[in-house]
Amino acid sequence: MADSLSTGLGEEKEREREGTERDTGAAKPEKIKKNDGVAETLGFSDKNGGSMSKKRNLADLSLVRFITTELTRGYFLEHNEAKYTERRERVYTCLRIPKELEKLMIFGFFLCLDAFLYVFTLLPLRVILALLRLITLPCCGLSGSRLLQPAQVCDVLKGFIMVLCYSMMSYVDYAMMYHLIRGQSVIKLYIIYNMLEVADRLFSSFGQDILDALYWTATEPKEKKRAHIGVIPHFLMAVLYVFLHALLIMVQATTLNVAFNSHNKSLLTIMMSNNFVEIKGSVFKKFEKNNLFQMSNSDIKERFTNYILLLIVCLRNMEQFSWNPDHLWVLFPDVVMVIASEVAVDVVKHAFITKFNDISADVYGEYRASLAFDLVSSRQKNAYTDYSDSVSRRMGFIPLPLALLLIRVVMSSVKIQGSLSFMCVLLFYFGMITLKVLNSIVLLGTSCVFVKEANMEEKLFDPPPSAASSRVNSRAHRTKHVHTAPQQEATADKGGPSLTSDNSQLPTIPETPAPTVPKSDSDTFLTTPDEEEDDKIINTDTGLEGDGLKNRTPKKDLLEIDRFTICGNRID
């Protein structure tokens, strides 16, 4: 019995062993079939599949099959549709930039031209009317009424500044300055020209503050406490500023004139290459919409100033050649080359800035609408500034020094003798008035269209600066309340006395709002944040947003940005 049991158990174990061997033998071909594709792709086979790889044809692993695979393999762009659509939109944006930019540049050019012509045409008439009022009112016995309105006071001050500065500029010898600059080396003149550009920006930024301080000091209500040094010191500072700025622009125009008259045109080429260096300094930096708005205003001012400088150069050269029209065609290619290089640099610079910073080309329409709003709001009864001053703040373009230099050059280049010459001058003056009036009418109509397209016309009828100041105060109160709320919750959790119960027992002291500088209605319109304003918390102590980005400055309204406002820790 024992032997039969042992033999039975041995037979069962042998059957089980044979079954497991059959199962493993059947699983190996399946694994080889699964790994066959991988082995073919990698070009080698596993040791367990060695018998199968030996049977495979060696021609399947040849170089011909690899090349065939490389030539016939495909891919599908629609698998990443969003990426390629974005790239295509970037290309379309770059193609739209020249058109949109030139629209803004042309509109800004005529704005600067309007402010520039105002100095020659309407300002002298307004000064004459103000002086007549100043003389006739005491004679009529109207001593109780105000002698001059604030706008008339500002006009008289501008007129006196122009007269005094012109008398000072008459002592400057343009010919001596020309020969002094001509004797310098090319590299030295290139450095001088760059220094003059930097100095011009610094003069413009500080000069408009000097003029605004003078206007406010002269028209400030007398019942207020005196907090200034007086009108006369401010007037002397303004006269000194306008004279020095006009002298600086004269040196800049003389340097450009030397470049035009050089024999090999090397200095002119170097000065033009300076524009392309500007691309390197601007394109590869981070820009936001406010920064780009500043740069656009700067480019408008720079282009208009260059046109006036080229006009001065042509006048001086035509005088030296006895107004020979043939010499004008000699200067024409150089003038076209300077203008073309300026336009090309602006287009390339703005195209790549918008590309690298994902800014749409439609933003130039917003910039144009903001400039148009300044023009329309300056025609309101509650306007707080003249439009020429608004252009000066927005673009950094101050017309007084440039107009003074042009008057100086024209008076020295054109000789007025005889009654016929005076008649020609009078006709030219009437022609300038006609051009100014037509330009103002067209600009005003175009600006109204831009304001209506941007849905800004309702802001024109808002009450003036009190709305803006109340908005700022309420925003500061709201942010202050938000920052004190977490502290109250923390003390309540600790079991300490609550701040609300203590404050309820204290007497309420009415807060007196600090005096704020009047702002225009445009300060409350166009904003450029990427998210809703209510979702942001701004710390009133540091001026930073409380969203975790400690180094980020709060967003500013687009129409609060002038030429010299620091946006994103840079001025362009």
Foldseek 3Di string as FASTA:
>chain_A
DVVVVVVVVVVVVVVVVVVVVVVVVVVLVVVCVVCVVVCLVVVHDDPSCPVVVVPDDPVSNDPVVVVVCVVPDDDDPVVPVVVVVVVVQLVVQLVCQLVLLVVLLVLLLLLLVLLQLCVQFVLVVLQVVLVVLLPVCVVVVVPVDDSDDLVSVLSVLLVVLLVVLLVVCVVDDLVVLLVVLLPDDLVVLLVLLVVLVVVLLVLLVVLLVLSVVLSCQVNPDPVDDDDDDHNVVSSVVNSVSLNVSLVSLSSNLSSVLSLLPDDVSPSVVSNLVVLVVVLVVQLPDADDLLQVLLVSLQLSQVLSSVVLSVVLSVLVVCLVVVNDVVVVVVSVVSVVVSNVSSSVSVSVSVSSNCSVHVNGSCSSLVSSLLLLVLLQLLPDPPHPDHSSSVSCFARSHNNSSSSSNVVSSCPVRDDQDDPVSVVVVVVVNVVSVVVSVVSSVVSNVVNVVSCVVVVNPVLSPDDWQVVVVVVVVVLQVVLVVVVCVVVQVVCVVVVHDGPVVVVVPDDDDDDDDDDDDTDGSLQPDAWDDPDDPVVWHADPVPQPTPPPPRLAHDTGGSSVRHNPDQHPNDHD
